[in-house]
Every structure is written in C-alpha cells, then in structure tokens.
C-alpha cells in the first residue's frame, strides 16, 4: 500500500490552497498563523471482531494550540482489493486511548463517525473527505479500524487513515 510521493504532494498542495484562501471547504476561517497538520498511518488488517480494533493514527493537539481538522481519509487495501461497505468499520474518537471504544471511557467519538462502514476520501486520484472537527490543547484524536467479515486479514492487508487540518496558537493569533 505504498502511497506515491506525487499523490501526497497533491493532497498537501490542496491543503496549502485552503490555507492561502484562509477558509475551509465550508467557510470556517483559518487564522493567518495556522500551520498544516498531516498525520497518517496504517496497520495490518486485524482478525474479525470488535475486540481486535486497531489504532490507525493519532494526533495530539500541542499545548497552547487549537486545531481544526478539515480532511479525513479512511481506507482498506488487501488481496481482494478495496473493502465493500460493512466489511471494515472505522471510527474517529477523542481522548479514548484504548482501541475498543467503551461507554465508561472519558473520551467520545466525533459526531457521525462512531461506526463508519465504508472508506472515505482518497490519497490517489481523489480528494480527502471534508470534515470540520475543532479541538483544544491536550485533546488526542484517533482513527481506529476493525474488520467485520469477508475481507482478507493479516500480512499484506492493511487499514489506513489520515487526519488533515491546521493548528495555531490558542491566544495571540488575532494580532
């Protein structure tokens, strides 16, 4: 599942365009002091079942900063190609360090992203999926994934994801 440098450059150039326009896809203003965020990761596709959920990538908002995530990629690649809807479940959560989400945990899932049954966004040939997630210092955002059925698991089969956005100092950026 190597991602070609050219495709990553395209994604980062789109992010740079957004930064220059100072607004996200839906019009959220981006401060002049904002710096790009791009965190991505992959894991070998785990065996079926919710107890085998894996953390794909993590982003922690630095001390004294605010972050605004405006792009998301959720995907699977394996021996049989892409996953069909419902074969892999993804989630995006905040401050829940364990792989499997639990009601008693201190964190929460992003609205509408607790159990995403299909791939979103793309590194190759397509744009990232637009989202609007705002977070404050110390919050940790994680993409998690699990296989459910009928997809190849183990070596050579991967779940992958990326969080794309901006961060800026919490105070003083208005000047």
N, C-alpha and C. Protein backbone atom coordinates (compact mmCIF):
# COMPACT_ATOMS: atom_id res chain seq x y z
N UNK A 1 0.80 -1.18 0.00
CA UNK A 1 0.00 0.00 0.00
C UNK A 1 0.86 1.27 0.00
N UNK A 2 1.98 1.26 -0.67
CA UNK A 2 2.77 2.49 -0.67
C UNK A 2 2.03 3.60 -1.41
N UNK A 3 2.09 4.77 -0.85
CA UNK A 3 1.47 5.94 -1.46
C UNK A 3 2.57 6.72 -2.16
N UNK A 4 2.37 6.98 -3.44
CA UNK A 4 3.39 7.68 -4.21
C UNK A 4 3.54 9.11 -3.71
N UNK A 5 4.77 9.60 -3.74
CA UNK A 5 5.08 10.95 -3.30
C UNK A 5 4.26 11.98 -4.06
N UNK A 6 4.05 11.74 -5.35
CA UNK A 6 3.28 12.67 -6.18
C UNK A 6 1.87 12.86 -5.63
N UNK A 7 1.24 11.78 -5.19
CA UNK A 7 -0.12 11.87 -4.68
C UNK A 7 -0.17 12.59 -3.33
N UNK A 8 0.82 12.33 -2.49
CA UNK A 8 0.89 13.05 -1.22
C UNK A 8 1.11 14.54 -1.46
N UNK A 9 1.93 14.86 -2.46
CA UNK A 9 2.15 16.26 -2.81
C UNK A 9 0.85 16.92 -3.24
N UNK A 10 0.01 16.20 -3.99
CA UNK A 10 -1.27 16.73 -4.43
C UNK A 10 -2.15 17.05 -3.22
N UNK A 11 -2.23 16.12 -2.26
CA UNK A 11 -3.03 16.34 -1.06
C UNK A 11 -2.50 17.55 -0.28
N UNK A 12 -1.18 17.62 -0.11
CA UNK A 12 -0.60 18.73 0.62
C UNK A 12 -0.75 20.06 -0.12
N UNK A 13 -0.71 20.03 -1.45
CA UNK A 13 -0.96 21.25 -2.24
C UNK A 13 -2.39 21.74 -2.07
N UNK A 14 -3.35 20.80 -2.01
CA UNK A 14 -4.75 21.18 -1.76
C UNK A 14 -4.88 21.83 -0.39
N UNK A 15 -4.17 21.28 0.59
CA UNK A 15 -4.17 21.83 1.93
C UNK A 15 -3.57 23.24 1.92
N UNK A 16 -2.49 23.42 1.16
CA UNK A 16 -1.86 24.73 1.04
C UNK A 16 -2.81 25.74 0.39
N UNK A 17 -3.57 25.30 -0.63
CA UNK A 17 -4.56 26.18 -1.27
C UNK A 17 -5.60 26.64 -0.27
N UNK A 18 -6.05 25.69 0.55
CA UNK A 18 -7.03 26.03 1.58
C UNK A 18 -6.44 27.06 2.53
N UNK A 19 -5.18 26.86 2.91
CA UNK A 19 -4.52 27.80 3.83
C UNK A 19 -4.43 29.19 3.21
N UNK A 20 -4.11 29.26 1.93
CA UNK A 20 -3.98 30.55 1.27
C UNK A 20 -5.32 31.26 1.16
N UNK A 21 -6.39 30.51 0.97
CA UNK A 21 -7.72 31.13 0.87
C UNK A 21 -8.24 31.53 2.25
N UNK A 22 -7.60 31.00 3.32
CA UNK A 22 -7.96 31.30 4.70
C UNK A 22 -9.36 30.82 5.09
N UNK A 23 -9.91 29.86 4.35
CA UNK A 23 -11.22 29.29 4.68
C UNK A 23 -11.24 27.81 4.28
N UNK A 24 -11.95 27.01 5.07
CA UNK A 24 -12.11 25.60 4.73
C UNK A 24 -13.18 25.46 3.65
N UNK A 25 -13.44 24.23 3.26
CA UNK A 25 -14.45 23.94 2.24
C UNK A 25 -15.80 24.56 2.60
N UNK A 26 -16.14 24.54 3.89
CA UNK A 26 -17.43 25.07 4.32
C UNK A 26 -17.34 26.48 4.91
N UNK A 27 -16.24 27.14 4.71
CA UNK A 27 -16.14 28.54 5.08
C UNK A 27 -15.59 28.87 6.44
N UNK A 28 -15.10 27.89 7.20
CA UNK A 28 -14.52 28.17 8.51
C UNK A 28 -13.25 29.00 8.31
N UNK A 29 -13.11 30.15 8.99
CA UNK A 29 -11.91 30.97 8.80
C UNK A 29 -10.68 30.34 9.46
N UNK A 30 -9.58 30.36 8.75
CA UNK A 30 -8.31 29.83 9.25
C UNK A 30 -7.41 31.01 9.59
N UNK A 31 -6.92 31.09 10.83
CA UNK A 31 -6.05 32.21 11.22
C UNK A 31 -4.78 32.28 10.38
N UNK A 32 -4.23 33.46 10.27
CA UNK A 32 -3.02 33.67 9.47
C UNK A 32 -1.83 32.89 10.02
N UNK A 33 -1.84 32.59 11.31
CA UNK A 33 -0.71 31.89 11.93
C UNK A 33 -0.83 30.37 11.90
N UNK A 34 -1.85 29.85 11.21
CA UNK A 34 -2.09 28.41 11.19
C UNK A 34 -0.98 27.66 10.46
N UNK A 35 -0.64 26.49 11.01
CA UNK A 35 0.33 25.60 10.38
C UNK A 35 -0.39 24.31 9.99
N UNK A 36 -0.01 23.70 8.86
CA UNK A 36 -0.68 22.47 8.42
C UNK A 36 -0.44 21.29 9.37
N UNK A 37 -1.45 20.42 9.44
CA UNK A 37 -1.36 19.16 10.17
C UNK A 37 -1.57 18.06 9.13
N UNK A 38 -0.70 17.08 9.15
CA UNK A 38 -0.90 15.89 8.30
C UNK A 38 -0.35 14.71 9.07
N UNK A 39 -1.23 13.89 9.60
CA UNK A 39 -0.81 12.69 10.30
C UNK A 39 -1.50 11.50 9.65
N UNK A 40 -0.75 10.49 9.36
CA UNK A 40 -1.32 9.32 8.70
C UNK A 40 -0.70 8.06 9.27
N UNK A 41 -1.35 6.95 9.01
CA UNK A 41 -0.82 5.68 9.50
C UNK A 41 -1.55 4.50 8.88
N UNK A 42 -1.02 3.33 9.15
CA UNK A 42 -1.67 2.11 8.69
C UNK A 42 -1.34 1.00 9.67
N UNK A 43 -2.18 -0.02 9.66
CA UNK A 43 -1.98 -1.21 10.48
C UNK A 43 -2.33 -2.42 9.64
N UNK A 44 -1.71 -3.54 9.94
CA UNK A 44 -2.10 -4.79 9.29
C UNK A 44 -3.55 -5.06 9.68
N UNK A 45 -4.38 -5.42 8.68
CA UNK A 45 -5.80 -5.66 8.95
C UNK A 45 -5.94 -6.77 10.00
N UNK A 46 -6.61 -6.45 11.11
CA UNK A 46 -6.72 -7.43 12.20
C UNK A 46 -7.75 -8.51 11.89
N UNK A 47 -7.71 -9.58 12.68
CA UNK A 47 -8.73 -10.63 12.57
C UNK A 47 -10.10 -10.02 12.83
N UNK A 48 -11.14 -10.69 12.37
CA UNK A 48 -12.51 -10.17 12.51
C UNK A 48 -12.89 -9.97 13.97
N UNK A 49 -13.71 -8.95 14.22
CA UNK A 49 -14.28 -8.77 15.55
C UNK A 49 -13.94 -7.44 16.19
N UNK A 50 -14.88 -6.92 16.98
CA UNK A 50 -14.68 -5.61 17.63
C UNK A 50 -13.57 -5.60 18.66
N UNK A 51 -13.23 -6.74 19.24
CA UNK A 51 -12.15 -6.77 20.22
C UNK A 51 -10.78 -6.66 19.56
N UNK A 52 -10.75 -6.75 18.25
CA UNK A 52 -9.49 -6.65 17.51
C UNK A 52 -9.32 -5.31 16.82
N UNK A 53 -10.06 -4.30 17.26
CA UNK A 53 -9.95 -2.97 16.68
C UNK A 53 -8.52 -2.44 16.89
N UNK A 54 -7.97 -1.77 15.86
CA UNK A 54 -6.61 -1.23 15.94
C UNK A 54 -6.64 0.28 15.81
N UNK A 55 -5.65 0.93 16.43
CA UNK A 55 -5.48 2.38 16.29
C UNK A 55 -4.63 2.61 15.05
N UNK A 56 -5.19 3.32 14.08
CA UNK A 56 -4.53 3.53 12.80
C UNK A 56 -3.61 4.74 12.85
N UNK A 57 -4.09 5.86 13.34
CA UNK A 57 -3.23 7.04 13.50
C UNK A 57 -3.76 7.92 14.63
N UNK A 58 -2.87 8.76 15.14
CA UNK A 58 -3.16 9.59 16.31
C UNK A 58 -2.61 10.99 16.10
N UNK A 59 -3.37 11.99 16.54
CA UNK A 59 -2.89 13.37 16.54
C UNK A 59 -3.25 13.99 17.89
N UNK A 60 -2.25 14.56 18.57
CA UNK A 60 -2.49 15.24 19.84
C UNK A 60 -2.25 16.73 19.64
N UNK A 61 -3.23 17.54 20.04
CA UNK A 61 -3.12 18.99 19.91
C UNK A 61 -2.05 19.48 20.88
N UNK A 62 -1.05 20.20 20.38
CA UNK A 62 0.03 20.68 21.25
C UNK A 62 -0.46 21.67 22.31
N UNK A 63 0.30 21.76 23.37
CA UNK A 63 0.00 22.69 24.46
C UNK A 63 -0.05 24.12 23.89
N UNK A 64 -1.07 24.87 24.29
CA UNK A 64 -1.20 26.26 23.88
C UNK A 64 -1.70 26.44 22.46
N UNK A 65 -2.26 25.38 21.86
CA UNK A 65 -2.74 25.46 20.49
C UNK A 65 -4.20 25.02 20.37
N UNK A 66 -4.80 25.43 19.28
CA UNK A 66 -6.12 24.97 18.85
C UNK A 66 -5.90 24.28 17.52
N UNK A 67 -6.66 23.22 17.27
CA UNK A 67 -6.54 22.52 15.99
C UNK A 67 -7.90 22.44 15.31
N UNK A 68 -7.86 22.49 14.00
CA UNK A 68 -9.07 22.35 13.20
C UNK A 68 -8.77 21.33 12.12
N UNK A 69 -9.40 20.16 12.23
CA UNK A 69 -9.21 19.11 11.24
C UNK A 69 -10.26 19.27 10.16
N UNK A 70 -9.82 19.38 8.91
CA UNK A 70 -10.77 19.63 7.83
C UNK A 70 -10.70 18.57 6.72
N UNK A 71 -9.90 17.52 6.91
CA UNK A 71 -9.82 16.46 5.93
C UNK A 71 -9.58 15.12 6.61
N UNK A 72 -10.11 14.05 6.00
CA UNK A 72 -10.06 12.73 6.59
C UNK A 72 -9.92 11.70 5.47
N UNK A 73 -9.12 10.67 5.72
CA UNK A 73 -9.03 9.52 4.80
C UNK A 73 -9.19 8.27 5.65
N UNK A 74 -10.09 7.38 5.23
CA UNK A 74 -10.30 6.08 5.86
C UNK A 74 -10.25 5.05 4.75
N UNK A 75 -9.42 4.02 4.87
CA UNK A 75 -9.34 3.06 3.77
C UNK A 75 -8.85 1.69 4.17
N UNK A 76 -8.99 0.78 3.23
CA UNK A 76 -8.53 -0.61 3.36
C UNK A 76 -7.96 -1.02 2.02
N UNK A 77 -6.88 -1.76 2.05
CA UNK A 77 -6.35 -2.37 0.84
C UNK A 77 -5.89 -3.77 1.19
N UNK A 78 -6.17 -4.69 0.30
CA UNK A 78 -5.79 -6.07 0.60
C UNK A 78 -5.81 -6.93 -0.65
N UNK A 79 -5.67 -8.22 -0.42
CA UNK A 79 -5.58 -9.19 -1.51
C UNK A 79 -6.78 -9.13 -2.44
N UNK A 80 -7.94 -8.84 -1.90
CA UNK A 80 -9.16 -8.78 -2.72
C UNK A 80 -9.50 -7.39 -3.20
N UNK A 81 -8.60 -6.43 -3.04
CA UNK A 81 -8.88 -5.04 -3.44
C UNK A 81 -9.52 -4.26 -2.31
N UNK A 82 -10.32 -3.29 -2.65
CA UNK A 82 -11.00 -2.46 -1.65
C UNK A 82 -12.09 -3.23 -0.93
N UNK A 83 -12.41 -2.79 0.26
CA UNK A 83 -13.48 -3.42 1.04
C UNK A 83 -14.84 -2.91 0.57
N UNK A 84 -15.82 -3.78 0.62
CA UNK A 84 -17.20 -3.38 0.33
C UNK A 84 -17.79 -2.74 1.59
N UNK A 85 -18.85 -1.94 1.45
CA UNK A 85 -19.46 -1.33 2.63
C UNK A 85 -19.84 -2.38 3.67
N UNK A 86 -19.45 -2.12 4.92
CA UNK A 86 -19.77 -3.01 6.02
C UNK A 86 -18.71 -4.04 6.33
N UNK A 87 -17.71 -4.22 5.47
CA UNK A 87 -16.67 -5.21 5.74
C UNK A 87 -15.59 -4.70 6.68
N UNK A 88 -15.40 -3.38 6.71
CA UNK A 88 -14.47 -2.76 7.64
C UNK A 88 -15.21 -1.59 8.29
N UNK A 89 -15.06 -1.47 9.59
CA UNK A 89 -15.70 -0.38 10.34
C UNK A 89 -14.61 0.54 10.88
N UNK A 90 -14.76 1.84 10.64
CA UNK A 90 -13.81 2.85 11.12
C UNK A 90 -14.50 3.73 12.16
N UNK A 91 -13.70 4.33 13.04
CA UNK A 91 -14.23 5.32 13.97
C UNK A 91 -13.18 6.41 14.17
N UNK A 92 -13.67 7.60 14.50
CA UNK A 92 -12.79 8.72 14.85
C UNK A 92 -13.22 9.15 16.23
N UNK A 93 -12.30 9.02 17.19
CA UNK A 93 -12.67 9.40 18.55
C UNK A 93 -11.63 10.30 19.19
N UNK A 94 -12.02 10.86 20.32
CA UNK A 94 -11.19 11.83 21.04
C UNK A 94 -10.98 11.35 22.47
N UNK A 95 -9.73 11.36 22.89
CA UNK A 95 -9.35 11.03 24.27
C UNK A 95 -9.83 9.67 24.75
N UNK A 96 -9.84 8.69 23.87
CA UNK A 96 -10.13 7.31 24.25
C UNK A 96 -8.92 6.47 23.83
N UNK A 97 -7.95 6.29 24.74
CA UNK A 97 -6.68 5.67 24.36
C UNK A 97 -6.73 4.19 24.03
N UNK A 98 -7.77 3.49 24.46
CA UNK A 98 -7.82 2.07 24.15
C UNK A 98 -8.45 1.86 22.79
N UNK A 99 -8.12 0.77 22.17
CA UNK A 99 -8.61 0.53 20.81
C UNK A 99 -10.13 0.41 20.77
N UNK A 100 -10.71 -0.41 21.62
CA UNK A 100 -12.16 -0.61 21.58
C UNK A 100 -12.86 0.46 22.41
N UNK A 101 -13.76 1.21 21.78
CA UNK A 101 -14.49 2.27 22.48
C UNK A 101 -15.40 1.65 23.55
N UNK A 102 -15.44 2.27 24.72
CA UNK A 102 -16.29 1.80 25.80
C UNK A 102 -17.07 2.98 26.36
N UNK A 103 -18.31 2.72 26.77
CA UNK A 103 -19.17 3.78 27.27
C UNK A 103 -18.59 4.45 28.51
N UNK A 104 -17.85 3.71 29.32
CA UNK A 104 -17.32 4.28 30.56
C UNK A 104 -16.03 5.09 30.34
N UNK A 105 -15.49 5.08 29.14
CA UNK A 105 -14.25 5.81 28.88
C UNK A 105 -14.48 7.31 28.97
N UNK A 106 -13.43 8.06 29.22
CA UNK A 106 -13.55 9.51 29.37
C UNK A 106 -13.74 10.22 28.04
N UNK A 107 -13.37 9.60 26.94
CA UNK A 107 -13.44 10.25 25.64
C UNK A 107 -14.81 10.14 24.98
N UNK A 108 -14.83 10.54 23.72
CA UNK A 108 -16.06 10.49 22.94
C UNK A 108 -15.71 10.29 21.47
N UNK A 109 -16.69 9.89 20.68
CA UNK A 109 -16.47 9.78 19.24
C UNK A 109 -16.96 11.06 18.57
N UNK A 110 -16.35 11.39 17.45
CA UNK A 110 -16.82 12.54 16.67
C UNK A 110 -18.22 12.23 16.18
N UNK A 111 -19.08 13.24 16.18
CA UNK A 111 -20.47 13.06 15.74
C UNK A 111 -20.50 12.46 14.33
N UNK A 112 -21.27 11.40 14.17
CA UNK A 112 -21.46 10.68 12.90
C UNK A 112 -20.25 9.86 12.47
N UNK A 113 -19.22 9.75 13.31
CA UNK A 113 -18.03 8.98 12.94
C UNK A 113 -17.72 7.88 13.95
N UNK A 114 -18.75 7.35 14.64
CA UNK A 114 -18.56 6.29 15.62
C UNK A 114 -18.41 4.92 14.96
N UNK A 115 -19.07 4.70 13.85
CA UNK A 115 -19.03 3.41 13.16
C UNK A 115 -19.23 3.64 11.66
N UNK A 116 -18.18 4.06 10.99
CA UNK A 116 -18.26 4.35 9.56
C UNK A 116 -18.04 3.03 8.81
N UNK A 117 -19.05 2.55 8.05
CA UNK A 117 -18.94 1.23 7.42
C UNK A 117 -18.33 1.23 6.01
N UNK A 118 -17.71 2.30 5.60
CA UNK A 118 -17.14 2.36 4.25
C UNK A 118 -15.94 3.29 4.23
N UNK A 119 -15.18 3.22 3.15
CA UNK A 119 -13.99 4.05 3.01
C UNK A 119 -14.41 5.49 2.68
N UNK A 120 -13.61 6.46 3.15
CA UNK A 120 -13.87 7.88 2.87
C UNK A 120 -12.58 8.54 2.43
N UNK A 121 -12.67 9.42 1.44
CA UNK A 121 -11.50 10.14 0.97
C UNK A 121 -10.55 9.23 0.23
N UNK A 122 -9.49 9.82 -0.28
CA UNK A 122 -8.55 9.05 -1.09
C UNK A 122 -7.22 9.79 -1.15
N UNK A 123 -6.14 9.04 -1.18
CA UNK A 123 -4.83 9.64 -1.43
C UNK A 123 -4.55 9.65 -2.93
N UNK A 124 -5.15 8.72 -3.64
CA UNK A 124 -4.82 8.52 -5.04
C UNK A 124 -6.03 8.85 -5.92
N UNK A 125 -5.90 9.86 -6.73
CA UNK A 125 -6.93 10.16 -7.72
C UNK A 125 -8.18 10.83 -7.18
N UNK A 126 -8.19 11.22 -5.94
CA UNK A 126 -9.38 11.85 -5.41
C UNK A 126 -9.06 12.73 -4.22
N UNK A 127 -10.01 13.54 -3.82
CA UNK A 127 -9.78 14.43 -2.68
C UNK A 127 -9.95 13.71 -1.34
N UNK A 128 -9.45 14.32 -0.29
CA UNK A 128 -9.71 13.81 1.05
C UNK A 128 -11.17 14.13 1.39
N UNK A 129 -11.71 13.41 2.35
CA UNK A 129 -13.11 13.62 2.76
C UNK A 129 -13.18 14.86 3.64
N UNK A 130 -14.02 15.84 3.29
CA UNK A 130 -14.10 17.07 4.11
C UNK A 130 -14.84 16.86 5.42
N UNK A 131 -14.24 17.33 6.51
CA UNK A 131 -14.86 17.28 7.84
C UNK A 131 -14.56 18.61 8.52
N UNK A 132 -15.20 18.85 9.64
CA UNK A 132 -14.90 20.02 10.46
C UNK A 132 -14.90 19.61 11.93
N UNK A 133 -13.70 19.30 12.44
CA UNK A 133 -13.51 18.90 13.83
C UNK A 133 -12.58 19.92 14.49
N UNK A 134 -13.07 20.62 15.51
CA UNK A 134 -12.23 21.58 16.23
C UNK A 134 -11.84 21.01 17.58
N UNK A 135 -10.55 21.15 17.94
CA UNK A 135 -10.05 20.59 19.20
C UNK A 135 -9.13 21.56 19.90
N UNK A 136 -9.10 21.44 21.23
CA UNK A 136 -8.27 22.31 22.06
C UNK A 136 -7.04 21.56 22.55
N UNK A 137 -6.12 22.31 23.15
CA UNK A 137 -4.85 21.74 23.60
C UNK A 137 -5.06 20.49 24.44
N UNK A 138 -4.19 19.53 24.22
CA UNK A 138 -4.21 18.30 25.01
C UNK A 138 -5.15 17.22 24.51
N UNK A 139 -6.09 17.56 23.65
CA UNK A 139 -7.01 16.54 23.15
C UNK A 139 -6.28 15.66 22.13
N UNK A 140 -6.58 14.37 22.16
CA UNK A 140 -5.97 13.41 21.26
C UNK A 140 -7.04 12.79 20.38
N UNK A 141 -6.86 12.92 19.08
CA UNK A 141 -7.80 12.39 18.10
C UNK A 141 -7.20 11.12 17.50
N UNK A 142 -8.00 10.07 17.42
CA UNK A 142 -7.52 8.80 16.88
C UNK A 142 -8.48 8.26 15.83
N UNK A 143 -7.89 7.66 14.79
CA UNK A 143 -8.67 6.89 13.82
C UNK A 143 -8.45 5.43 14.18
N UNK A 144 -9.55 4.69 14.27
CA UNK A 144 -9.47 3.26 14.60
C UNK A 144 -10.21 2.46 13.55
N UNK A 145 -9.82 1.20 13.38
CA UNK A 145 -10.47 0.36 12.39
C UNK A 145 -10.54 -1.09 12.85
N UNK A 146 -11.53 -1.79 12.31
CA UNK A 146 -11.68 -3.21 12.59
C UNK A 146 -12.30 -3.88 11.37
N UNK A 147 -11.92 -5.11 11.12
CA UNK A 147 -12.55 -5.87 10.04
C UNK A 147 -13.76 -6.58 10.60
N UNK A 148 -14.78 -6.73 9.77
CA UNK A 148 -16.01 -7.35 10.22
C UNK A 148 -16.22 -8.70 9.55
N UNK A 149 -16.09 -8.75 8.22
CA UNK A 149 -16.27 -10.02 7.53
C UNK A 149 -15.81 -9.92 6.08
N UNK A 150 -15.53 -11.06 5.51
CA UNK A 150 -15.30 -11.24 4.07
C UNK A 150 -14.21 -10.37 3.46
N UNK A 151 -13.23 -9.93 4.25
CA UNK A 151 -12.06 -9.26 3.70
C UNK A 151 -10.82 -10.01 4.18
N UNK A 152 -9.76 -9.91 3.41
CA UNK A 152 -8.52 -10.57 3.80
C UNK A 152 -7.92 -9.84 5.00
N UNK A 153 -7.37 -10.60 5.92
CA UNK A 153 -6.73 -10.03 7.10
C UNK A 153 -5.30 -10.56 7.19
N UNK A 154 -4.51 -9.98 8.07
CA UNK A 154 -3.14 -10.43 8.26
C UNK A 154 -2.17 -9.77 7.29
N UNK A 155 -0.96 -10.30 7.23
CA UNK A 155 0.11 -9.73 6.41
C UNK A 155 -0.34 -9.44 4.98
N UNK A 156 0.04 -8.26 4.49
CA UNK A 156 -0.28 -7.86 3.12
C UNK A 156 -1.64 -7.20 2.97
N UNK A 157 -2.40 -7.08 4.04
CA UNK A 157 -3.73 -6.46 4.04
C UNK A 157 -3.72 -5.37 5.09
N UNK A 158 -4.16 -4.17 4.71
CA UNK A 158 -4.00 -3.02 5.60
C UNK A 158 -5.25 -2.17 5.73
N UNK A 159 -5.43 -1.60 6.92
CA UNK A 159 -6.38 -0.49 7.13
C UNK A 159 -5.51 0.75 7.26
N UNK A 160 -5.94 1.85 6.68
CA UNK A 160 -5.13 3.07 6.73
C UNK A 160 -6.01 4.28 6.92
N UNK A 161 -5.39 5.37 7.36
CA UNK A 161 -6.16 6.60 7.57
C UNK A 161 -5.25 7.81 7.70
N UNK A 162 -5.87 8.98 7.60
CA UNK A 162 -5.13 10.24 7.75
C UNK A 162 -6.04 11.32 8.30
N UNK A 163 -5.44 12.21 9.08
CA UNK A 163 -6.11 13.41 9.58
C UNK A 163 -5.37 14.61 9.01
N UNK A 164 -6.10 15.53 8.43
CA UNK A 164 -5.50 16.67 7.74
C UNK A 164 -6.18 17.94 8.24
N UNK A 165 -5.41 18.97 8.53
CA UNK A 165 -6.01 20.21 9.01
C UNK A 165 -4.98 21.26 9.33
N UNK A 166 -5.28 22.08 10.34
CA UNK A 166 -4.42 23.20 10.73
C UNK A 166 -4.38 23.32 12.24
N UNK A 167 -3.29 23.87 12.75
CA UNK A 167 -3.19 24.21 14.17
C UNK A 167 -2.60 25.61 14.28
N UNK A 168 -2.98 26.30 15.37
CA UNK A 168 -2.47 27.65 15.60
C UNK A 168 -2.47 27.93 17.10
N UNK A 169 -1.69 28.93 17.53
CA UNK A 169 -1.67 29.27 18.96
C UNK A 169 -3.07 29.66 19.44
N UNK A 170 -3.41 29.18 20.62
CA UNK A 170 -4.75 29.47 21.17
C UNK A 170 -4.97 30.94 21.46
N UNK A 171 -3.90 31.64 21.84
CA UNK A 171 -4.00 33.05 22.15
C UNK A 171 -2.96 33.83 21.38
N UNK A 172 -3.32 35.05 21.02
CA UNK A 172 -2.36 35.92 20.36
C UNK A 172 -2.37 35.88 18.85
N UNK A 173 -3.11 34.95 18.24
CA UNK A 173 -3.12 34.87 16.79
C UNK A 173 -3.94 35.98 16.14
N UNK A 174 -4.79 36.63 16.92
CA UNK A 174 -5.68 37.67 16.39
C UNK A 174 -4.91 38.93 16.02
N UNK A 175 -3.71 39.12 16.57
CA UNK A 175 -2.98 40.36 16.38
C UNK A 175 -2.31 40.45 15.02
